[in-house]
Amino acid sequence: MTDRPKDQQKQRRAQRLSAALRDNLKRRKAQARGRDAGPGAGHAPDGPSTETHDSAGFGDEKRNNE
């Protein structure tokens, strides 16, 4: 019995999604390793850094106006 076109399409889609998820996981792990080995990694040997990270990019002038 041969696969119907829709079954083949579903299988190809599932394979693409699976590959994309694997690539995403690899990228996230690499980013985490980069953060761990980043410039602050050797700076605080007793544990994680107490410095805050502002991913939104607000400067101190914005924080003081809150």
N, C-alpha and C. Protein backbone atom coordinates (compact mmCIF):
# COMPACT_ATOMS: atom_id res chain seq x y z
N MET A 1 0.84 -1.18 0.00
CA MET A 1 0.00 0.00 0.00
C MET A 1 0.88 1.24 0.00
N THR A 2 0.62 2.15 -0.90
CA THR A 2 1.44 3.36 -0.99
C THR A 2 0.84 4.46 -0.14
N ASP A 3 1.71 5.36 0.28
CA ASP A 3 1.24 6.49 1.09
C ASP A 3 0.49 7.48 0.21
N ARG A 4 -0.54 8.02 0.76
CA ARG A 4 -1.28 9.05 0.06
C ARG A 4 -0.48 10.35 0.12
N PRO A 5 -0.70 11.26 -0.80
CA PRO A 5 0.06 12.53 -0.79
C PRO A 5 -0.06 13.29 0.51
N LYS A 6 -1.24 13.30 1.13
CA LYS A 6 -1.40 14.03 2.39
C LYS A 6 -0.58 13.39 3.50
N ASP A 7 -0.50 12.06 3.51
CA ASP A 7 0.33 11.39 4.51
C ASP A 7 1.80 11.73 4.31
N GLN A 8 2.23 11.78 3.06
CA GLN A 8 3.61 12.14 2.77
C GLN A 8 3.89 13.58 3.19
N GLN A 9 2.94 14.46 2.93
CA GLN A 9 3.11 15.86 3.32
C GLN A 9 3.21 15.99 4.84
N LYS A 10 2.40 15.24 5.56
CA LYS A 10 2.45 15.28 7.03
C LYS A 10 3.79 14.77 7.54
N GLN A 11 4.29 13.71 6.91
CA GLN A 11 5.58 13.16 7.33
C GLN A 11 6.70 14.15 7.07
N ARG A 12 6.69 14.78 5.90
CA ARG A 12 7.74 15.77 5.58
C ARG A 12 7.66 16.95 6.54
N ARG A 13 6.45 17.39 6.84
CA ARG A 13 6.28 18.51 7.77
C ARG A 13 6.79 18.13 9.16
N ALA A 14 6.46 16.95 9.61
CA ALA A 14 6.92 16.49 10.91
C ALA A 14 8.45 16.41 10.95
N GLN A 15 9.06 15.96 9.86
CA GLN A 15 10.52 15.90 9.81
C GLN A 15 11.13 17.30 9.84
N ARG A 16 10.53 18.24 9.09
CA ARG A 16 11.04 19.62 9.10
C ARG A 16 10.92 20.24 10.48
N LEU A 17 9.78 20.03 11.14
CA LEU A 17 9.59 20.58 12.48
C LEU A 17 10.56 19.96 13.47
N SER A 18 10.76 18.67 13.35
CA SER A 18 11.69 17.98 14.24
C SER A 18 13.11 18.53 14.06
N ALA A 19 13.51 18.72 12.81
CA ALA A 19 14.85 19.26 12.54
C ALA A 19 14.96 20.70 13.07
N ALA A 20 13.91 21.49 12.90
CA ALA A 20 13.93 22.87 13.39
C ALA A 20 14.03 22.90 14.91
N LEU A 21 13.31 22.01 15.57
CA LEU A 21 13.39 21.95 17.04
C LEU A 21 14.78 21.56 17.51
N ARG A 22 15.40 20.59 16.82
CA ARG A 22 16.76 20.19 17.19
C ARG A 22 17.73 21.35 17.01
N ASP A 23 17.62 22.06 15.88
CA ASP A 23 18.51 23.20 15.62
C ASP A 23 18.30 24.29 16.66
N ASN A 24 17.05 24.54 17.02
CA ASN A 24 16.75 25.56 18.03
C ASN A 24 17.36 25.17 19.37
N LEU A 25 17.24 23.92 19.75
CA LEU A 25 17.81 23.46 21.01
C LEU A 25 19.33 23.61 21.01
N LYS A 26 19.97 23.24 19.90
CA LYS A 26 21.42 23.39 19.79
C LYS A 26 21.82 24.85 19.94
N ARG A 27 21.07 25.74 19.28
CA ARG A 27 21.37 27.16 19.35
C ARG A 27 21.21 27.70 20.77
N ARG A 28 20.14 27.30 21.44
CA ARG A 28 19.91 27.75 22.82
C ARG A 28 21.00 27.24 23.76
N LYS A 29 21.42 25.99 23.57
CA LYS A 29 22.50 25.44 24.41
C LYS A 29 23.80 26.20 24.17
N ALA A 30 24.08 26.51 22.91
CA ALA A 30 25.30 27.26 22.59
C ALA A 30 25.24 28.66 23.22
N GLN A 31 24.08 29.29 23.18
CA GLN A 31 23.93 30.61 23.80
C GLN A 31 24.14 30.52 25.30
N ALA A 32 23.61 29.49 25.93
CA ALA A 32 23.78 29.32 27.38
C ALA A 32 25.24 29.10 27.72
N ARG A 33 25.92 28.28 26.92
CA ARG A 33 27.35 28.06 27.16
C ARG A 33 28.12 29.36 26.99
N GLY A 34 27.73 30.17 26.01
CA GLY A 34 28.38 31.46 25.79
C GLY A 34 28.18 32.40 26.96
N ARG A 35 26.97 32.39 27.53
CA ARG A 35 26.72 33.24 28.70
C ARG A 35 27.55 32.77 29.89
N ASP A 36 27.64 31.45 30.07
CA ASP A 36 28.41 30.91 31.20
C ASP A 36 29.89 31.22 31.05
N ALA A 37 30.39 31.23 29.84
CA ALA A 37 31.82 31.47 29.61
C ALA A 37 32.07 32.90 29.18
N GLY A 38 31.10 33.77 29.34
CA GLY A 38 31.23 35.16 28.91
C GLY A 38 32.20 35.95 29.76
N PRO A 39 32.26 37.24 29.54
CA PRO A 39 33.22 38.09 30.24
C PRO A 39 33.06 38.09 31.75
N GLY A 40 31.86 37.88 32.25
CA GLY A 40 31.65 37.88 33.70
C GLY A 40 31.84 36.52 34.33
N ALA A 41 32.12 35.49 33.54
CA ALA A 41 32.21 34.13 34.09
C ALA A 41 33.36 33.99 35.08
N GLY A 42 34.52 34.54 34.77
CA GLY A 42 35.65 34.46 35.67
C GLY A 42 35.63 35.54 36.73
N HIS A 43 34.70 36.44 36.62
CA HIS A 43 34.65 37.60 37.50
C HIS A 43 34.09 37.26 38.88
N ALA A 44 33.13 36.35 38.96
CA ALA A 44 32.49 36.02 40.23
C ALA A 44 32.61 34.52 40.49
N PRO A 45 33.74 34.07 41.03
CA PRO A 45 33.94 32.64 41.21
C PRO A 45 33.05 32.02 42.28
N ASP A 46 32.46 32.83 43.16
CA ASP A 46 31.64 32.29 44.25
C ASP A 46 30.22 31.97 43.84
N GLY A 47 29.82 32.34 42.67
CA GLY A 47 28.45 32.06 42.24
C GLY A 47 28.02 32.98 41.13
N PRO A 48 26.73 33.00 40.86
CA PRO A 48 26.24 33.83 39.77
C PRO A 48 26.43 35.31 40.07
N SER A 49 26.52 36.07 39.02
CA SER A 49 26.71 37.51 39.15
C SER A 49 25.49 38.16 39.76
N THR A 50 25.71 39.19 40.57
CA THR A 50 24.60 39.91 41.18
C THR A 50 24.17 41.08 40.30
N GLU A 51 24.89 41.30 39.19
CA GLU A 51 24.54 42.38 38.29
C GLU A 51 23.24 42.04 37.57
N THR A 52 22.43 43.06 37.33
CA THR A 52 21.18 42.83 36.61
C THR A 52 21.43 42.94 35.12
N HIS A 53 20.57 42.31 34.37
CA HIS A 53 20.64 42.38 32.92
C HIS A 53 19.37 43.02 32.41
N ASP A 54 19.52 44.05 31.62
CA ASP A 54 18.37 44.76 31.09
C ASP A 54 18.29 44.52 29.59
N SER A 55 17.51 43.51 29.18
CA SER A 55 17.42 43.17 27.77
C SER A 55 16.63 44.20 26.99
N ALA A 56 15.84 45.02 27.66
CA ALA A 56 15.06 46.04 26.97
C ALA A 56 15.93 47.23 26.58
N GLY A 57 17.09 47.38 27.20
CA GLY A 57 18.01 48.44 26.85
C GLY A 57 17.74 49.77 27.52
N PHE A 58 16.95 49.79 28.58
CA PHE A 58 16.69 51.03 29.29
C PHE A 58 17.93 51.43 30.07
N GLY A 59 18.28 52.67 29.97
CA GLY A 59 19.43 53.17 30.70
C GLY A 59 19.05 53.59 32.11
N ASP A 60 20.03 54.01 32.89
CA ASP A 60 19.79 54.44 34.27
C ASP A 60 18.84 55.64 34.31
N GLU A 61 18.92 56.51 33.30
CA GLU A 61 18.04 57.68 33.30
C GLU A 61 16.57 57.27 33.24
N LYS A 62 16.26 56.20 32.55
CA LYS A 62 14.88 55.71 32.49
C LYS A 62 14.46 55.09 33.81
N ARG A 63 15.33 54.34 34.42
CA ARG A 63 15.01 53.67 35.68
C ARG A 63 14.74 54.68 36.80
N ASN A 64 15.48 55.78 36.81
CA ASN A 64 15.33 56.79 37.85
C ASN A 64 14.03 57.55 37.73
N ASN A 65 13.43 57.56 36.56
CA ASN A 65 12.17 58.29 36.34
C ASN A 65 10.95 57.48 36.68
N GLU A 66 11.08 56.25 37.09
CA GLU A 66 9.92 55.40 37.36
C GLU A 66 9.20 55.81 38.61
